C-alpha atoms as a PDB file:
ATOM      1  CA  MET A   1      69.581  55.293  19.773  1.00  0.00           C
ATOM      2  CA  LYS A   2      66.409  57.381  19.956  1.00  0.00           C
ATOM      3  CA  GLN A   3      65.083  55.339  16.896  1.00  0.00           C
ATOM      4  CA  LYS A   4      65.627  52.145  18.967  1.00  0.00           C
ATOM      5  CA  TYR A   5      63.457  53.500  21.879  1.00  0.00           C
ATOM      6  CA  ASN A   6      60.773  54.558  19.408  1.00  0.00           C
ATOM      7  CA  LEU A   7      60.662  51.111  17.906  1.00  0.00           C
ATOM      8  CA  LEU A   8      60.504  49.536  21.373  1.00  0.00           C
ATOM      9  CA  ALA A   9      57.674  51.853  22.362  1.00  0.00           C
ATOM     10  CA  PHE A  10      55.864  51.127  19.251  1.00  0.00           C
ATOM     11  CA  ALA A  11      56.329  47.333  19.823  1.00  0.00           C
ATOM     12  CA  ALA A  12      55.018  47.666  23.418  1.00  0.00           C
ATOM     13  CA  PHE A  13      52.026  49.645  22.291  1.00  0.00           C
ATOM     14  CA  SER A  14      51.259  47.076  19.607  1.00  0.00           C
ATOM     15  CA  VAL A  15      51.358  44.224  22.099  1.00  0.00           C
ATOM     16  CA  ALA A  16      49.038  46.046  24.497  1.00  0.00           C
ATOM     17  CA  ALA A  17      46.562  46.918  21.747  1.00  0.00           C
ATOM     18  CA  ILE A  18      46.472  43.198  20.543  1.00  0.00           C
ATOM     19  CA  ALA A  19      46.018  42.036  24.097  1.00  0.00           C
ATOM     20  CA  THR A  20      43.206  44.434  24.726  1.00  0.00           C
ATOM     21  CA  ALA A  21      41.507  43.440  21.420  1.00  0.00           C
ATOM     22  CA  TYR A  22      41.830  39.708  22.375  1.00  0.00           C
ATOM     23  CA  ALA A  23      40.375  40.307  25.772  1.00  0.00           C
ATOM     24  CA  ALA A  24      37.433  42.154  24.278  1.00  0.00           C
ATOM     25  CA  ILE A  25      36.765  39.417  21.861  1.00  0.00           C
ATOM     26  CA  SER A  26      37.023  36.513  24.423  1.00  0.00           C
ATOM     27  CA  SER A  27      34.924  38.423  26.856  1.00  0.00           C
ATOM     28  CA  GLU A  28      32.069  38.449  24.156  1.00  0.00           C
ATOM     29  CA  ASN A  29      31.502  34.772  24.401  1.00  0.00           C
ATOM     30  CA  ASP A  30      27.701  34.423  24.445  1.00  0.00           C
ATOM     31  CA  ALA A  31      27.745  31.359  26.690  1.00  0.00           C
ATOM     32  CA  LEU A  32      29.482  33.446  29.350  1.00  0.00           C
ATOM     33  CA  ALA A  33      27.763  36.802  28.564  1.00  0.00           C
ATOM     34  CA  ILE A  34      24.185  35.382  29.128  1.00  0.00           C
ATOM     35  CA  SER A  35      24.941  35.066  32.806  1.00  0.00           C
ATOM     36  CA  SER A  36      24.439  38.925  33.028  1.00  0.00           C
ATOM     37  CA  ALA A  37      20.999  38.693  31.480  1.00  0.00           C
ATOM     38  CA  LYS A  38      18.076  39.302  33.779  1.00  0.00           C
ATOM     39  CA  VAL A  39      15.638  37.659  31.389  1.00  0.00           C
ATOM     40  CA  SER A  40      15.804  34.042  30.424  1.00  0.00           C
ATOM     41  CA  LEU A  41      15.946  32.720  26.832  1.00  0.00           C
ATOM     42  CA  THR A  42      12.509  31.121  27.539  1.00  0.00           C
ATOM     43  CA  GLN A  43      11.086  34.409  28.651  1.00  0.00           C
ATOM     44  CA  ALA A  44      12.524  36.248  25.644  1.00  0.00           C
ATOM     45  CA  VAL A  45      11.054  33.642  23.257  1.00  0.00           C
ATOM     46  CA  THR A  46       7.642  33.887  24.944  1.00  0.00           C
ATOM     47  CA  THR A  47       7.751  37.699  24.642  1.00  0.00           C
ATOM     48  CA  ALA A  48       8.692  37.549  20.885  1.00  0.00           C
ATOM     49  CA  GLU A  49       6.030  35.028  20.192  1.00  0.00           C
ATOM     50  CA  GLN A  50       3.332  37.130  21.930  1.00  0.00           C
ATOM     51  CA  HIS A  51       4.544  40.266  20.133  1.00  0.00           C
ATOM     52  CA  VAL A  52       4.346  38.739  16.667  1.00  0.00           C
ATOM     53  CA  GLY A  53       1.480  36.294  17.327  1.00  0.00           C
ATOM     54  CA  GLY A  54       3.488  33.368  15.914  1.00  0.00           C
ATOM     55  CA  LYS A  55       5.843  30.566  16.837  1.00  0.00           C
ATOM     56  CA  ALA A  56       9.613  30.850  17.457  1.00  0.00           C
ATOM     57  CA  ALA A  57      11.765  28.923  14.922  1.00  0.00           C
ATOM     58  CA  ARG A  58      15.132  29.939  16.288  1.00  0.00           C
ATOM     59  CA  ALA A  59      16.595  31.928  19.210  1.00  0.00           C
ATOM     60  CA  GLU A  60      20.058  33.002  20.247  1.00  0.00           C
ATOM     61  CA  TYR A  61      21.879  35.405  22.436  1.00  0.00           C
ATOM     62  CA  GLU A  62      24.063  37.620  20.295  1.00  0.00           C
ATOM     63  CA  HIS A  63      26.112  40.840  20.263  1.00  0.00           C
ATOM     64  CA  HIS A  64      24.240  43.200  17.950  1.00  0.00           C
ATOM     65  CA  LYS A  65      25.107  46.900  17.395  1.00  0.00           C
ATOM     66  CA  GLY A  66      27.247  47.070  20.530  1.00  0.00           C
ATOM     67  CA  GLN A  67      24.966  45.349  22.917  1.00  0.00           C
ATOM     68  CA  TRP A  68      23.832  41.874  23.916  1.00  0.00           C
ATOM     69  CA  VAL A  69      20.277  40.925  22.763  1.00  0.00           C
ATOM     70  CA  PHE A  70      18.138  37.964  22.373  1.00  0.00           C
ATOM     71  CA  ASP A  71      17.478  37.488  18.691  1.00  0.00           C
ATOM     72  CA  VAL A  72      14.359  35.512  18.086  1.00  0.00           C
ATOM     73  CA  GLU A  73      13.064  34.424  14.682  1.00  0.00           C
ATOM     74  CA  VAL A  74       9.276  34.029  14.827  1.00  0.00           C
ATOM     75  CA  VAL A  75       6.978  32.662  12.107  1.00  0.00           C
ATOM     76  CA  LYS A  76       3.446  33.717  11.612  1.00  0.00           C
ATOM     77  CA  GLY A  77       1.785  32.169   8.506  1.00  0.00           C
ATOM     78  CA  LYS A  78       4.214  32.926   5.691  1.00  0.00           C
ATOM     79  CA  GLN A  79       5.799  35.837   7.363  1.00  0.00           C
ATOM     80  CA  VAL A  80       9.074  35.545   9.250  1.00  0.00           C
ATOM     81  CA  MET A  81       9.975  38.270  11.809  1.00  0.00           C
ATOM     82  CA  ASP A  82      13.377  38.880  13.458  1.00  0.00           C
ATOM     83  CA  VAL A  83      12.666  40.186  17.016  1.00  0.00           C
ATOM     84  CA  LYS A  84      15.245  41.598  19.222  1.00  0.00           C
ATOM     85  CA  VAL A  85      14.519  41.375  22.950  1.00  0.00           C
ATOM     86  CA  ASP A  86      16.422  43.297  25.597  1.00  0.00           C
ATOM     87  CA  PRO A  87      18.092  40.863  28.058  1.00  0.00           C
ATOM     88  CA  LEU A  88      17.839  43.241  31.020  1.00  0.00           C
ATOM     89  CA  SER A  89      14.268  44.458  30.748  1.00  0.00           C
ATOM     90  CA  GLY A  90      12.548  41.868  28.566  1.00  0.00           C
ATOM     91  CA  ARG A  91      11.229  44.680  26.258  1.00  0.00           C
ATOM     92  CA  ILE A  92      11.079  44.324  22.477  1.00  0.00           C
ATOM     93  CA  LEU A  93      13.950  46.424  20.970  1.00  0.00           C
ATOM     94  CA  SER A  94      13.011  45.770  17.350  1.00  0.00           C
ATOM     95  CA  SER A  95      10.760  43.792  15.180  1.00  0.00           C
ATOM     96  CA  VAL A  96      11.392  43.568  11.411  1.00  0.00           C
ATOM     97  CA  GLU A  97      10.333  41.217   8.640  1.00  0.00           C
ATOM     98  CA  ASP A  98      13.050  38.947   7.472  1.00  0.00           C
ATOM     99  CA  ASN A  99      12.541  38.463   3.746  1.00  0.00           C
ATOM    100  CA  THR A 100      15.824  36.932   2.934  1.00  0.00           C
ATOM    101  CA  ASP A 101      16.914  34.933   5.987  1.00  0.00           C
ATOM    102  CA  HIS A 102      20.406  36.024   4.954  1.00  0.00           C
ATOM    103  CA  ASP A 103      22.154  35.702   8.373  1.00  0.00           C
ATOM    104  CA  ASP A 104      21.488  32.130   8.966  1.00  0.00           C
ATOM    105  CA  ALA A 105      24.240  30.251   7.054  1.00  0.00           C
ATOM    106  CA  HIS A 106      24.063  27.635   9.736  1.00  0.00           C
ATOM    107  CA  ASP A 107      20.518  26.700   8.521  1.00  0.00           C
ATOM    108  CA  LYS A 108      21.717  25.415   5.215  1.00  0.00           C
ATOM    109  CA  GLU A 109      21.589  21.638   4.714  1.00  0.00           C
ATOM    110  CA  ASP A 110      24.812  19.817   4.108  1.00  0.00           C
END
């Protein structure tokens, strides 16, 4: 009988854990998450372009290392920079050269 209760407790715990995980995933929808940003996508692109001194080729709102950021790819000459912009303050969080453009599978031609 005790084993049956343990099994029921385990099942209830599993359902709760799955529901929590699903809620976390669904709440990370970038279309909905951007509503909490204090900086617009246009402002983030302008900030990134000014920081690098180039033109934006791509920009998106994404979850990166536990936080939401604007990820802007800026081209200056033959150099491509990935610039992360804080959606609350508009400050540059990071700016690194993108030598491989490895995260852009959606850029490949069909």
